[in-house]
């Protein structure tokens, strides 16, 4: 979704009188986006201080939400959920199909059996049993304090020192990052992008699937999503390189599953649920 599409949609809503191909920075376009934010009751009000690019993204997020496509928070940042939402929006528009199987439900197809799990994984349920083991989505959460400062992957100037995760996995997650810090040190972690936080708790459906994401229970965590995109395999994903093997061995020693190592997609992601 680009600015032309945003302005075309705002024109249909009676909020914009100009040409859709006009610069999004024009006063008419800017006024239309601001009116859209007010109409949709976007919280905060600081969107009046955002630059044009961020307002366009936020308007696109709102349009996705209106169309029933999960885009995450209306924050104007191009995180992985927003990027996927825009991909879904563009695919629906191009094909006239809803949903678009190759984009929205490809993960629902039968997958090959994963290799035998390491012994530590036996303490975690299969994906089919997560509700019985962890409870309802979004419940039983606690604070996870990171062993080193994390940067928000889509807003690298923002530092986070903690996040919310399920209380059953907090000790294991805490050990993973403490051991990663001991192995690599802060500068090497930063150079490798292992400090680029891509999210933990997020009650939503899987990107590319119809089931609840493991993030919905706060039992999965993403790192460096920009360089380890959902459909990228080991030929493109940064986390498939040899420098990351010690990190994945730490993750797997706690029984967590790397989708990259097992399925060769979504290399950003590890979870405390077996496949």
C-alpha atoms as a PDB file:
ATOM      1  CA  UNK A   1       0.000   0.000   0.000  1.00  0.00           C
ATOM      2  CA  UNK A   2       1.466   3.353  -1.035  1.00  0.00           C
ATOM      3  CA  UNK A   3       0.412   6.974  -0.588  1.00  0.00           C
ATOM      4  CA  UNK A   4      -1.621   6.948  -3.817  1.00  0.00           C
ATOM      5  CA  UNK A   5      -3.745   4.104  -2.509  1.00  0.00           C
ATOM      6  CA  UNK A   6      -4.180   5.842   0.839  1.00  0.00           C
ATOM      7  CA  UNK A   7      -5.297   9.086  -0.809  1.00  0.00           C
ATOM      8  CA  UNK A   8      -7.612   7.244  -3.204  1.00  0.00           C
ATOM      9  CA  UNK A   9      -9.326   5.583  -0.235  1.00  0.00           C
ATOM     10  CA  UNK A  10      -9.592   8.889   1.635  1.00  0.00           C
ATOM     11  CA  UNK A  11     -11.144  10.419  -1.467  1.00  0.00           C
ATOM     12  CA  UNK A  12     -13.806   7.689  -1.433  1.00  0.00           C
ATOM     13  CA  UNK A  13     -14.487   8.522   2.210  1.00  0.00           C
ATOM     14  CA  UNK A  14     -15.046  12.190   1.332  1.00  0.00           C
ATOM     15  CA  UNK A  15     -11.971  13.337   3.231  1.00  0.00           C
ATOM     16  CA  UNK A  16      -9.813  14.334   0.256  1.00  0.00           C
ATOM     17  CA  UNK A  17     -10.623  16.368  -2.855  1.00  0.00           C
ATOM     18  CA  UNK A  18      -7.263  16.219  -4.624  1.00  0.00           C
ATOM     19  CA  UNK A  19      -5.576  13.834  -7.026  1.00  0.00           C
ATOM     20  CA  UNK A  20      -4.509  10.488  -5.583  1.00  0.00           C
ATOM     21  CA  UNK A  21      -1.108  10.731  -7.255  1.00  0.00           C
ATOM     22  CA  UNK A  22      -0.356  14.076  -5.600  1.00  0.00           C
ATOM     23  CA  UNK A  23       2.485  14.229  -3.070  1.00  0.00           C
ATOM     24  CA  UNK A  24       1.372  12.995   0.344  1.00  0.00           C
ATOM     25  CA  UNK A  25       3.199  15.989   1.804  1.00  0.00           C
ATOM     26  CA  UNK A  26       0.797  18.467   0.181  1.00  0.00           C
ATOM     27  CA  UNK A  27      -1.437  20.410   2.559  1.00  0.00           C
ATOM     28  CA  UNK A  28      -4.640  18.873   1.185  1.00  0.00           C
ATOM     29  CA  UNK A  29      -3.264  15.339   1.594  1.00  0.00           C
ATOM     30  CA  UNK A  30      -1.948  16.091   5.054  1.00  0.00           C
ATOM     31  CA  UNK A  31      -5.261  17.607   6.131  1.00  0.00           C
ATOM     32  CA  UNK A  32      -7.093  14.537   4.827  1.00  0.00           C
ATOM     33  CA  UNK A  33      -4.924  12.146   6.841  1.00  0.00           C
ATOM     34  CA  UNK A  34      -5.318  14.251   9.971  1.00  0.00           C
ATOM     35  CA  UNK A  35      -9.106  14.256   9.475  1.00  0.00           C
ATOM     36  CA  UNK A  36      -8.990  10.483   9.047  1.00  0.00           C
ATOM     37  CA  UNK A  37      -7.134  10.069  12.348  1.00  0.00           C
ATOM     38  CA  UNK A  38      -9.701  12.232  14.112  1.00  0.00           C
ATOM     39  CA  UNK A  39     -12.592  10.366  12.489  1.00  0.00           C
ATOM     40  CA  UNK A  40     -11.171   7.005  13.598  1.00  0.00           C
ATOM     41  CA  UNK A  41     -10.309   8.275  17.100  1.00  0.00           C
ATOM     42  CA  UNK A  42      -6.623   7.385  16.895  1.00  0.00           C
ATOM     43  CA  UNK A  43      -5.421   7.724  20.497  1.00  0.00           C
ATOM     44  CA  UNK A  44      -2.590   9.904  21.685  1.00  0.00           C
ATOM     45  CA  UNK A  45      -2.957  12.913  19.449  1.00  0.00           C
ATOM     46  CA  UNK A  46       0.790  13.193  18.853  1.00  0.00           C
ATOM     47  CA  UNK A  47       0.221  12.111  15.247  1.00  0.00           C
ATOM     48  CA  UNK A  48       0.058  15.835  14.572  1.00  0.00           C
ATOM     49  CA  UNK A  49       3.833  15.872  15.066  1.00  0.00           C
ATOM     50  CA  UNK A  50       4.594  12.883  12.833  1.00  0.00           C
ATOM     51  CA  UNK A  51       6.348  13.313   9.494  1.00  0.00           C
ATOM     52  CA  UNK A  52       4.553  12.562   6.227  1.00  0.00           C
ATOM     53  CA  UNK A  53       5.946   9.036   5.791  1.00  0.00           C
ATOM     54  CA  UNK A  54       4.791   8.015   9.243  1.00  0.00           C
ATOM     55  CA  UNK A  55       1.311   9.472   8.690  1.00  0.00           C
ATOM     56  CA  UNK A  56       0.952   7.552   5.417  1.00  0.00           C
ATOM     57  CA  UNK A  57       1.856   4.300   7.162  1.00  0.00           C
ATOM     58  CA  UNK A  58      -0.568   5.050  10.005  1.00  0.00           C
ATOM     59  CA  UNK A  59      -3.360   5.822   7.535  1.00  0.00           C
ATOM     60  CA  UNK A  60      -2.609   2.543   5.780  1.00  0.00           C
ATOM     61  CA  UNK A  61      -2.755   0.706   9.111  1.00  0.00           C
ATOM     62  CA  UNK A  62      -6.181   2.226   9.748  1.00  0.00           C
ATOM     63  CA  UNK A  63      -7.446   1.223   6.298  1.00  0.00           C
ATOM     64  CA  UNK A  64      -6.267  -2.336   6.888  1.00  0.00           C
ATOM     65  CA  UNK A  65      -8.079  -2.406  10.232  1.00  0.00           C
ATOM     66  CA  UNK A  66     -11.270  -1.154   8.545  1.00  0.00           C
ATOM     67  CA  UNK A  67     -10.927  -3.947   5.968  1.00  0.00           C
ATOM     68  CA  UNK A  68     -10.509  -6.595   8.669  1.00  0.00           C
ATOM     69  CA  UNK A  69      -6.756  -7.030   8.194  1.00  0.00           C
ATOM     70  CA  UNK A  70      -4.693  -7.092  11.383  1.00  0.00           C
ATOM     71  CA  UNK A  71      -2.046  -4.377  11.203  1.00  0.00           C
ATOM     72  CA  UNK A  72      -1.136  -4.013  14.872  1.00  0.00           C
ATOM     73  CA  UNK A  73      -1.004  -0.669  16.655  1.00  0.00           C
ATOM     74  CA  UNK A  74      -1.751   2.499  14.691  1.00  0.00           C
ATOM     75  CA  UNK A  75       1.721   3.900  15.275  1.00  0.00           C
ATOM     76  CA  UNK A  76       3.005   4.751  11.797  1.00  0.00           C
ATOM     77  CA  UNK A  77       5.913   2.296  11.987  1.00  0.00           C
ATOM     78  CA  UNK A  78       6.585  -0.375   9.373  1.00  0.00           C
ATOM     79  CA  UNK A  79       6.979  -3.348  11.713  1.00  0.00           C
ATOM     80  CA  UNK A  80       6.525  -6.952  10.557  1.00  0.00           C
ATOM     81  CA  UNK A  81       2.792  -7.018  11.320  1.00  0.00           C
ATOM     82  CA  UNK A  82       2.183  -3.830   9.315  1.00  0.00           C
ATOM     83  CA  UNK A  83       4.356  -5.042   6.452  1.00  0.00           C
ATOM     84  CA  UNK A  84       2.388  -8.277   6.305  1.00  0.00           C
ATOM     85  CA  UNK A  85      -0.933  -6.406   6.513  1.00  0.00           C
ATOM     86  CA  UNK A  86       0.042  -4.251   3.532  1.00  0.00           C
ATOM     87  CA  UNK A  87       1.059  -7.387   1.627  1.00  0.00           C
ATOM     88  CA  UNK A  88      -2.379  -8.886   2.320  1.00  0.00           C
ATOM     89  CA  UNK A  89      -4.120  -5.646   1.300  1.00  0.00           C
ATOM     90  CA  UNK A  90      -2.205  -5.450  -1.994  1.00  0.00           C
ATOM     91  CA  UNK A  91      -2.794  -9.146  -2.744  1.00  0.00           C
ATOM     92  CA  UNK A  92      -6.541  -8.852  -2.135  1.00  0.00           C
ATOM     93  CA  UNK A  93      -6.737  -5.810  -4.386  1.00  0.00           C
ATOM     94  CA  UNK A  94      -4.696  -7.448  -7.160  1.00  0.00           C
ATOM     95  CA  UNK A  95      -6.582 -10.753  -7.151  1.00  0.00           C
ATOM     96  CA  UNK A  96     -10.054  -9.767  -5.975  1.00  0.00           C
ATOM     97  CA  UNK A  97      -9.806 -12.719  -3.577  1.00  0.00           C
ATOM     98  CA  UNK A  98     -10.409 -12.768   0.165  1.00  0.00           C
ATOM     99  CA  UNK A  99      -8.510 -14.499   1.600  1.00  0.00           C
ATOM    100  CA  UNK A 100      -5.564 -14.919  -0.763  1.00  0.00           C
ATOM    101  CA  UNK A 101      -4.316 -18.498  -0.128  1.00  0.00           C
ATOM    102  CA  UNK A 102      -0.691 -17.943  -1.144  1.00  0.00           C
ATOM    103  CA  UNK A 103      -0.438 -15.010   1.253  1.00  0.00           C
ATOM    104  CA  UNK A 104      -2.946 -15.532   4.054  1.00  0.00           C
ATOM    105  CA  UNK A 105      -3.371 -19.281   4.595  1.00  0.00           C
ATOM    106  CA  UNK A 106      -0.240 -20.975   3.269  1.00  0.00           C
ATOM    107  CA  UNK A 107       0.732 -22.078   6.786  1.00  0.00           C
ATOM    108  CA  UNK A 108      -2.514 -24.033   7.127  1.00  0.00           C
ATOM    109  CA  UNK A 109      -1.255 -26.588   4.615  1.00  0.00           C
ATOM    110  CA  UNK A 110       0.123 -29.881   6.052  1.00  0.00           C
ATOM    111  CA  UNK A 111       3.770 -29.592   7.035  1.00  0.00           C
ATOM    112  CA  UNK A 112       6.372 -32.372   7.200  1.00  0.00           C
ATOM    113  CA  UNK A 113       7.062 -33.843  10.618  1.00  0.00           C
ATOM    114  CA  UNK A 114       9.808 -31.974  12.458  1.00  0.00           C
ATOM    115  CA  UNK A 115      12.934 -33.790  13.626  1.00  0.00           C
ATOM    116  CA  UNK A 116      12.871 -35.421  17.047  1.00  0.00           C
ATOM    117  CA  UNK A 117      12.895 -32.701  19.718  1.00  0.00           C
ATOM    118  CA  UNK A 118      15.778 -32.306  22.130  1.00  0.00           C
ATOM    119  CA  UNK A 119      14.992 -33.751  25.596  1.00  0.00           C
ATOM    120  CA  UNK A 120      14.415 -30.297  27.122  1.00  0.00           C
ATOM    121  CA  UNK A 121      11.554 -29.710  24.698  1.00  0.00           C
ATOM    122  CA  UNK A 122       9.496 -32.404  26.390  1.00  0.00           C
ATOM    123  CA  UNK A 123       8.573 -29.912  29.101  1.00  0.00           C
ATOM    124  CA  UNK A 124       6.687 -27.767  26.571  1.00  0.00           C
ATOM    125  CA  UNK A 125       3.403 -28.693  24.855  1.00  0.00           C
ATOM    126  CA  UNK A 126       2.710 -29.142  21.182  1.00  0.00           C
ATOM    127  CA  UNK A 127       1.062 -26.221  19.417  1.00  0.00           C
ATOM    128  CA  UNK A 128      -2.218 -28.138  19.509  1.00  0.00           C
ATOM    129  CA  UNK A 129      -2.063 -28.244  23.309  1.00  0.00           C
ATOM    130  CA  UNK A 130      -1.013 -24.719  24.216  1.00  0.00           C
ATOM    131  CA  UNK A 131      -4.403 -23.613  25.554  1.00  0.00           C
ATOM    132  CA  UNK A 132      -4.589 -26.549  27.960  1.00  0.00           C
ATOM    133  CA  UNK A 133      -1.017 -25.895  29.145  1.00  0.00           C
ATOM    134  CA  UNK A 134      -0.853 -22.075  29.142  1.00  0.00           C
ATOM    135  CA  UNK A 135      -4.495 -20.998  29.499  1.00  0.00           C
ATOM    136  CA  UNK A 136      -6.440 -18.515  27.392  1.00  0.00           C
ATOM    137  CA  UNK A 137      -4.633 -16.204  24.982  1.00  0.00           C
ATOM    138  CA  UNK A 138      -3.225 -13.084  26.604  1.00  0.00           C
ATOM    139  CA  UNK A 139      -3.495 -14.408  30.169  1.00  0.00           C
ATOM    140  CA  UNK A 140      -0.982 -15.405  32.858  1.00  0.00           C
ATOM    141  CA  UNK A 141       1.539 -12.771  31.813  1.00  0.00           C
ATOM    142  CA  UNK A 142       4.548 -11.492  33.718  1.00  0.00           C
ATOM    143  CA  UNK A 143       7.457  -9.131  33.153  1.00  0.00           C
ATOM    144  CA  UNK A 144      10.556 -10.428  31.363  1.00  0.00           C
ATOM    145  CA  UNK A 145      13.605  -8.286  32.120  1.00  0.00           C
ATOM    146  CA  UNK A 146      16.208  -8.546  29.364  1.00  0.00           C
ATOM    147  CA  UNK A 147      19.844  -9.204  30.198  1.00  0.00           C
ATOM    148  CA  UNK A 148      20.893  -6.341  27.907  1.00  0.00           C
ATOM    149  CA  UNK A 149      19.153  -3.326  26.323  1.00  0.00           C
ATOM    150  CA  UNK A 150      17.029  -4.105  23.282  1.00  0.00           C
ATOM    151  CA  UNK A 151      16.241  -1.757  20.403  1.00  0.00           C
ATOM    152  CA  UNK A 152      12.786  -1.776  18.799  1.00  0.00           C
ATOM    153  CA  UNK A 153      13.485  -3.267  15.378  1.00  0.00           C
ATOM    154  CA  UNK A 154      11.361  -0.738  13.449  1.00  0.00           C
ATOM    155  CA  UNK A 155      12.311   2.261  15.589  1.00  0.00           C
ATOM    156  CA  UNK A 156      15.917   1.646  16.574  1.00  0.00           C
ATOM    157  CA  UNK A 157      16.188   4.818  18.641  1.00  0.00           C
ATOM    158  CA  UNK A 158      13.697   3.358  21.127  1.00  0.00           C
ATOM    159  CA  UNK A 159      15.238   1.176  23.828  1.00  0.00           C
ATOM    160  CA  UNK A 160      13.304  -1.454  25.766  1.00  0.00           C
ATOM    161  CA  UNK A 161      14.595  -3.291  28.817  1.00  0.00           C
ATOM    162  CA  UNK A 162      11.663  -5.614  29.377  1.00  0.00           C
ATOM    163  CA  UNK A 163       8.565  -7.097  27.786  1.00  0.00           C
ATOM    164  CA  UNK A 164       5.558  -9.183  28.732  1.00  0.00           C
ATOM    165  CA  UNK A 165       5.641 -12.966  28.393  1.00  0.00           C
ATOM    166  CA  UNK A 166       3.833 -15.960  29.868  1.00  0.00           C
ATOM    167  CA  UNK A 167       4.875 -16.668  33.422  1.00  0.00           C
ATOM    168  CA  UNK A 168       5.672 -20.310  32.622  1.00  0.00           C
ATOM    169  CA  UNK A 169       8.325 -19.405  30.032  1.00  0.00           C
ATOM    170  CA  UNK A 170       9.825 -16.344  31.757  1.00  0.00           C
ATOM    171  CA  UNK A 171      12.639 -18.238  33.547  1.00  0.00           C
ATOM    172  CA  UNK A 172      13.728 -19.982  30.332  1.00  0.00           C
ATOM    173  CA  UNK A 173      13.554 -16.788  28.260  1.00  0.00           C
ATOM    174  CA  UNK A 174      15.552 -14.948  30.899  1.00  0.00           C
ATOM    175  CA  UNK A 175      18.249 -17.645  30.825  1.00  0.00           C
ATOM    176  CA  UNK A 176      18.425 -17.535  27.011  1.00  0.00           C
ATOM    177  CA  UNK A 177      19.285 -13.845  26.932  1.00  0.00           C
ATOM    178  CA  UNK A 178      21.620 -14.039  29.925  1.00  0.00           C
ATOM    179  CA  UNK A 179      23.543 -16.890  28.321  1.00  0.00           C
ATOM    180  CA  UNK A 180      23.598 -15.100  24.955  1.00  0.00           C
ATOM    181  CA  UNK A 181      25.064 -12.050  26.687  1.00  0.00           C
ATOM    182  CA  UNK A 182      27.718 -14.189  28.401  1.00  0.00           C
ATOM    183  CA  UNK A 183      28.648 -15.848  25.104  1.00  0.00           C
ATOM    184  CA  UNK A 184      28.710 -12.871  22.739  1.00  0.00           C
ATOM    185  CA  UNK A 185      29.014  -9.729  24.864  1.00  0.00           C
ATOM    186  CA  UNK A 186      26.943  -6.616  24.231  1.00  0.00           C
ATOM    187  CA  UNK A 187      28.860  -5.234  21.249  1.00  0.00           C
ATOM    188  CA  UNK A 188      28.783  -8.528  19.347  1.00  0.00           C
ATOM    189  CA  UNK A 189      25.088  -9.016  20.141  1.00  0.00           C
ATOM    190  CA  UNK A 190      24.401  -5.573  18.735  1.00  0.00           C
ATOM    191  CA  UNK A 191      26.509  -6.204  15.638  1.00  0.00           C
ATOM    192  CA  UNK A 192      24.591  -9.430  14.996  1.00  0.00           C
ATOM    193  CA  UNK A 193      21.184  -7.812  15.500  1.00  0.00           C
ATOM    194  CA  UNK A 194      20.391 -10.004  18.481  1.00  0.00           C
ATOM    195  CA  UNK A 195      19.300  -6.848  20.294  1.00  0.00           C
ATOM    196  CA  UNK A 196      16.656  -5.916  17.695  1.00  0.00           C
ATOM    197  CA  UNK A 197      13.399  -6.729  19.452  1.00  0.00           C
ATOM    198  CA  UNK A 198      10.533  -7.721  17.177  1.00  0.00           C
ATOM    199  CA  UNK A 199       7.859  -8.552  19.747  1.00  0.00           C
ATOM    200  CA  UNK A 200       6.661 -11.157  22.209  1.00  0.00           C
ATOM    201  CA  UNK A 201       3.064 -10.968  23.488  1.00  0.00           C
ATOM    202  CA  UNK A 202       0.718 -10.044  20.622  1.00  0.00           C
ATOM    203  CA  UNK A 203      -2.785 -11.527  20.543  1.00  0.00           C
ATOM    204  CA  UNK A 204      -3.325 -12.102  16.830  1.00  0.00           C
ATOM    205  CA  UNK A 205      -3.615 -14.824  14.198  1.00  0.00           C
ATOM    206  CA  UNK A 206      -0.528 -16.292  12.543  1.00  0.00           C
ATOM    207  CA  UNK A 207       0.811 -14.350   9.596  1.00  0.00           C
ATOM    208  CA  UNK A 208      -0.028 -16.661   6.723  1.00  0.00           C
ATOM    209  CA  UNK A 209      -2.353 -18.859   8.812  1.00  0.00           C
ATOM    210  CA  UNK A 210      -5.798 -18.941  10.418  1.00  0.00           C
ATOM    211  CA  UNK A 211      -4.823 -20.265  13.872  1.00  0.00           C
ATOM    212  CA  UNK A 212      -3.758 -18.143  16.822  1.00  0.00           C
ATOM    213  CA  UNK A 213      -0.110 -17.137  16.748  1.00  0.00           C
ATOM    214  CA  UNK A 214       2.097 -18.466  19.538  1.00  0.00           C
ATOM    215  CA  UNK A 215       2.679 -14.781  20.327  1.00  0.00           C
ATOM    216  CA  UNK A 216      -0.928 -14.690  21.541  1.00  0.00           C
ATOM    217  CA  UNK A 217       0.160 -16.528  24.682  1.00  0.00           C
ATOM    218  CA  UNK A 218       3.445 -14.620  25.069  1.00  0.00           C
ATOM    219  CA  UNK A 219       5.402 -17.845  24.453  1.00  0.00           C
ATOM    220  CA  UNK A 220       7.213 -16.738  21.288  1.00  0.00           C
ATOM    221  CA  UNK A 221       9.709 -13.989  20.602  1.00  0.00           C
ATOM    222  CA  UNK A 222      10.975 -12.357  17.397  1.00  0.00           C
ATOM    223  CA  UNK A 223      14.351 -10.745  16.768  1.00  0.00           C
ATOM    224  CA  UNK A 224      15.632  -8.679  13.820  1.00  0.00           C
ATOM    225  CA  UNK A 225      12.550  -9.169  11.597  1.00  0.00           C
ATOM    226  CA  UNK A 226      13.834  -6.930   8.792  1.00  0.00           C
ATOM    227  CA  UNK A 227      16.754  -9.250   7.977  1.00  0.00           C
ATOM    228  CA  UNK A 228      14.862 -12.480   8.760  1.00  0.00           C
ATOM    229  CA  UNK A 229      11.541 -12.030   7.017  1.00  0.00           C
ATOM    230  CA  UNK A 230       8.696 -14.506   7.305  1.00  0.00           C
ATOM    231  CA  UNK A 231       9.096 -16.348   4.002  1.00  0.00           C
ATOM    232  CA  UNK A 232      12.877 -16.077   3.720  1.00  0.00           C
ATOM    233  CA  UNK A 233      14.813 -19.334   3.797  1.00  0.00           C
ATOM    234  CA  UNK A 234      18.399 -20.013   4.800  1.00  0.00           C
ATOM    235  CA  UNK A 235      19.613 -18.594   1.500  1.00  0.00           C
ATOM    236  CA  UNK A 236      18.533 -15.083   2.615  1.00  0.00           C
ATOM    237  CA  UNK A 237      17.941 -15.054   6.368  1.00  0.00           C
ATOM    238  CA  UNK A 238      20.687 -13.476   8.462  1.00  0.00           C
ATOM    239  CA  UNK A 239      20.025 -15.790  11.388  1.00  0.00           C
ATOM    240  CA  UNK A 240      20.835 -18.840   9.245  1.00  0.00           C
ATOM    241  CA  UNK A 241      24.524 -17.865   9.163  1.00  0.00           C
ATOM    242  CA  UNK A 242      27.167 -19.717  11.213  1.00  0.00           C
ATOM    243  CA  UNK A 243      27.649 -16.825  13.661  1.00  0.00           C
ATOM    244  CA  UNK A 244      24.177 -17.494  15.061  1.00  0.00           C
ATOM    245  CA  UNK A 245      24.595 -21.235  15.707  1.00  0.00           C
ATOM    246  CA  UNK A 246      25.627 -20.691  19.370  1.00  0.00           C
ATOM    247  CA  UNK A 247      22.530 -18.570  19.941  1.00  0.00           C
ATOM    248  CA  UNK A 248      20.225 -21.217  18.485  1.00  0.00           C
ATOM    249  CA  UNK A 249      21.927 -23.910  20.539  1.00  0.00           C
ATOM    250  CA  UNK A 250      21.195 -21.851  23.658  1.00  0.00           C
ATOM    251  CA  UNK A 251      17.562 -21.458  22.571  1.00  0.00           C
ATOM    252  CA  UNK A 252      17.182 -25.152  21.875  1.00  0.00           C
ATOM    253  CA  UNK A 253      18.849 -26.178  25.127  1.00  0.00           C
ATOM    254  CA  UNK A 254      15.873 -24.552  26.875  1.00  0.00           C
ATOM    255  CA  UNK A 255      13.489 -26.605  24.759  1.00  0.00           C
ATOM    256  CA  UNK A 256      12.355 -23.743  22.526  1.00  0.00           C
ATOM    257  CA  UNK A 257      11.815 -24.282  18.800  1.00  0.00           C
ATOM    258  CA  UNK A 258      13.375 -22.184  16.041  1.00  0.00           C
ATOM    259  CA  UNK A 259      11.041 -22.190  13.044  1.00  0.00           C
ATOM    260  CA  UNK A 260      14.016 -21.285  10.893  1.00  0.00           C
ATOM    261  CA  UNK A 261      16.039 -24.304  11.981  1.00  0.00           C
ATOM    262  CA  UNK A 262      13.062 -26.682  11.723  1.00  0.00           C
ATOM    263  CA  UNK A 263      10.975 -25.292   8.844  1.00  0.00           C
ATOM    264  CA  UNK A 264      13.420 -22.926   7.080  1.00  0.00           C
ATOM    265  CA  UNK A 265      11.107 -19.905   7.288  1.00  0.00           C
ATOM    266  CA  UNK A 266      10.444 -17.242   9.936  1.00  0.00           C
ATOM    267  CA  UNK A 267      14.060 -17.259  11.124  1.00  0.00           C
ATOM    268  CA  UNK A 268      13.289 -14.286  13.406  1.00  0.00           C
ATOM    269  CA  UNK A 269      11.093 -16.467  15.623  1.00  0.00           C
ATOM    270  CA  UNK A 270      11.455 -18.981  18.443  1.00  0.00           C
ATOM    271  CA  UNK A 271       8.675 -20.439  20.578  1.00  0.00           C
ATOM    272  CA  UNK A 272       8.014 -22.588  23.624  1.00  0.00           C
ATOM    273  CA  UNK A 273       5.693 -24.994  21.838  1.00  0.00           C
ATOM    274  CA  UNK A 274       6.569 -28.054  19.795  1.00  0.00           C
ATOM    275  CA  UNK A 275       5.340 -28.476  16.223  1.00  0.00           C
END
